[in-house]
C-alpha atoms as a PDB file:
ATOM      1  CA  MET A   1    -108.934  38.901  44.814  1.00  0.00           C
ATOM      2  CA  THR A   2    -109.113  42.506  45.947  1.00  0.00           C
ATOM      3  CA  THR A   3    -111.804  44.714  44.453  1.00  0.00           C
ATOM      4  CA  VAL A   4    -111.694  48.457  45.102  1.00  0.00           C
ATOM      5  CA  ALA A   5    -113.615  51.471  43.875  1.00  0.00           C
ATOM      6  CA  ILE A   6    -111.665  53.896  41.720  1.00  0.00           C
ATOM      7  CA  GLU A   7    -111.755  56.506  44.496  1.00  0.00           C
ATOM      8  CA  GLN A   8    -110.162  54.062  46.938  1.00  0.00           C
ATOM      9  CA  ALA A   9    -107.602  53.064  44.325  1.00  0.00           C
ATOM     10  CA  GLN A  10    -106.552  56.681  43.893  1.00  0.00           C
ATOM     11  CA  GLU A  11    -106.060  57.070  47.656  1.00  0.00           C
ATOM     12  CA  ASN A  12    -104.286  53.711  48.171  1.00  0.00           C
ATOM     13  CA  LEU A  13    -102.453  53.126  44.898  1.00  0.00           C
ATOM     14  CA  SER A  14     -99.087  52.418  46.522  1.00  0.00           C
ATOM     15  CA  SER A  15    -100.599  49.799  48.834  1.00  0.00           C
ATOM     16  CA  LEU A  16    -102.549  48.205  45.974  1.00  0.00           C
ATOM     17  CA  ILE A  17     -99.368  47.984  43.900  1.00  0.00           C
ATOM     18  CA  ASP A  18     -97.601  46.265  46.796  1.00  0.00           C
ATOM     19  CA  ASP A  19    -100.488  43.781  47.002  1.00  0.00           C
ATOM     20  CA  MET A  20    -100.332  43.149  43.263  1.00  0.00           C
ATOM     21  CA  VAL A  21     -96.563  42.592  43.332  1.00  0.00           C
ATOM     22  CA  SER A  22     -97.024  40.001  46.085  1.00  0.00           C
ATOM     23  CA  GLY A  23     -99.470  38.066  43.932  1.00  0.00           C
ATOM     24  CA  GLU A  24    -102.833  39.584  44.814  1.00  0.00           C
ATOM     25  CA  HIS A  25    -105.284  40.057  41.933  1.00  0.00           C
ATOM     26  CA  VAL A  26    -106.479  43.677  42.122  1.00  0.00           C
ATOM     27  CA  VAL A  27    -109.606  44.852  40.259  1.00  0.00           C
ATOM     28  CA  ILE A  28    -110.660  48.503  40.157  1.00  0.00           C
ATOM     29  CA  THR A  29    -114.339  49.334  39.762  1.00  0.00           C
ATOM     30  CA  ARG A  30    -116.435  52.367  38.872  1.00  0.00           C
ATOM     31  CA  ASN A  31    -120.055  52.262  40.011  1.00  0.00           C
ATOM     32  CA  GLN A  32    -119.423  48.620  41.025  1.00  0.00           C
ATOM     33  CA  ILE A  33    -118.476  47.661  37.447  1.00  0.00           C
ATOM     34  CA  PRO A  34    -114.927  46.329  36.896  1.00  0.00           C
ATOM     35  CA  ILE A  35    -112.978  48.743  34.686  1.00  0.00           C
ATOM     36  CA  ALA A  36    -109.323  47.874  35.287  1.00  0.00           C
ATOM     37  CA  GLU A  37    -106.943  45.315  36.707  1.00  0.00           C
ATOM     38  CA  LEU A  38    -103.521  45.792  38.226  1.00  0.00           C
ATOM     39  CA  ILE A  39    -101.146  43.212  36.790  1.00  0.00           C
ATOM     40  CA  PRO A  40     -97.352  43.003  37.025  1.00  0.00           C
ATOM     41  CA  VAL A  41     -95.293  43.963  33.993  1.00  0.00           C
ATOM     42  CA  ALA A  42     -93.761  40.938  32.298  1.00  0.00           C
ATOM     43  CA  ARG A  43     -90.023  40.951  32.811  1.00  0.00           C
ATOM     44  CA  PRO A  44     -87.946  40.403  29.693  1.00  0.00           C
ATOM     45  CA  HIS A  45     -86.279  37.030  29.345  1.00  0.00           C
ATOM     46  CA  ILE A  46     -82.541  37.535  29.379  1.00  0.00           C
ATOM     47  CA  LYS A  47     -80.653  35.115  27.175  1.00  0.00           C
ATOM     48  CA  PRO A  48     -77.396  33.816  28.608  1.00  0.00           C
ATOM     49  CA  VAL A  49     -74.294  34.857  26.706  1.00  0.00           C
ATOM     50  CA  PHE A  50     -72.020  31.994  25.692  1.00  0.00           C
ATOM     51  CA  GLY A  51     -68.725  32.246  27.570  1.00  0.00           C
ATOM     52  CA  SER A  52     -69.961  34.850  30.055  1.00  0.00           C
ATOM     53  CA  ALA A  53     -68.783  32.706  33.004  1.00  0.00           C
ATOM     54  CA  LYS A  54     -65.300  32.247  31.576  1.00  0.00           C
ATOM     55  CA  GLY A  55     -62.721  32.390  34.348  1.00  0.00           C
ATOM     56  CA  MET A  56     -65.330  32.186  37.106  1.00  0.00           C
ATOM     57  CA  MET A  57     -64.988  28.445  37.686  1.00  0.00           C
ATOM     58  CA  ALA A  58     -62.076  26.111  38.086  1.00  0.00           C
ATOM     59  CA  ILE A  59     -61.885  22.337  37.924  1.00  0.00           C
ATOM     60  CA  SER A  60     -59.179  20.710  39.980  1.00  0.00           C
ATOM     61  CA  GLU A  61     -56.621  18.550  38.244  1.00  0.00           C
ATOM     62  CA  ASP A  62     -57.809  15.444  40.109  1.00  0.00           C
ATOM     63  CA  PHE A  63     -61.576  15.932  39.641  1.00  0.00           C
ATOM     64  CA  ASP A  64     -61.896  12.509  38.001  1.00  0.00           C
ATOM     65  CA  ALA A  65     -59.623  10.654  40.433  1.00  0.00           C
ATOM     66  CA  PRO A  66     -61.198   7.741  42.336  1.00  0.00           C
ATOM     67  CA  LEU A  67     -62.995   8.845  45.489  1.00  0.00           C
ATOM     68  CA  GLU A  68     -61.827   7.529  48.845  1.00  0.00           C
ATOM     69  CA  ASP A  69     -65.400   6.468  49.670  1.00  0.00           C
ATOM     70  CA  PHE A  70     -65.298   3.943  46.837  1.00  0.00           C
ATOM     71  CA  GLN A  71     -61.896   2.399  47.555  1.00  0.00           C
ATOM     72  CA  GLY A  72     -62.251  -1.378  47.444  1.00  0.00           C
ATOM     73  CA  ARG A  73     -65.507  -1.313  45.502  1.00  0.00           C
ATOM     74  CA  GLU A  74     -63.997  -1.206  42.033  1.00  0.00           C
ATOM     75  CA  GLU A  75     -64.382  -4.963  41.730  1.00  0.00           C
ATOM     76  CA  ALA A  76     -68.116  -4.802  42.505  1.00  0.00           C
ATOM     77  CA  VAL A  77     -68.642  -2.020  39.952  1.00  0.00           C
ATOM     78  CA  GLY A  78     -66.675  -3.956  37.333  1.00  0.00           C
ATOM     79  CA  HIS A  79     -68.782  -7.063  37.993  1.00  0.00           C
ATOM     80  CA  TRP A  80     -72.016  -5.055  37.680  1.00  0.00           C
ATOM     81  CA  ARG A  81     -70.851  -3.471  34.428  1.00  0.00           C
ATOM     82  CA  SER A  82     -69.915  -6.797  32.855  1.00  0.00           C
ATOM     83  CA  SER A  83     -73.259  -8.336  33.840  1.00  0.00           C
ATOM     84  CA  HIS A  84     -75.179  -5.415  32.280  1.00  0.00           C
ATOM     85  CA  GLU A  85     -72.977  -4.725  29.250  1.00  0.00           C
ATOM     86  CA  GLN A  86     -75.511  -5.943  26.717  1.00  0.00           C
ATOM     87  CA  GLU A  87     -78.266  -3.723  28.123  1.00  0.00           C
ATOM     88  CA  TYR A  88     -76.193  -0.575  27.705  1.00  0.00           C
ATOM     89  CA  ASP A  89     -74.208  -1.457  24.585  1.00  0.00           C
ATOM     90  CA  THR A  90     -74.775   1.381  22.126  1.00  0.00           C
ATOM     91  CA  HIS A  91     -72.953  -0.232  19.169  1.00  0.00           C
END
């Protein structure tokens, strides 16, 4: 925490603002009594607009095709699924 007298704050305001923006807590005093704090302004929360990314992304035609890394493992996955079917049955 940085504490400065009002006279120092007037002379070094730009530097104190830089400190505050980087996370420093800045307190200004008069006659050694705290009278003000420098705090960052809250930035407004911007809500995303539905569809604003339209046309910015593309999914390839084969995005759900089997991956080469898993060739030959389909049998193991099928065996695991059948042995755990009851645990994940949502019906």
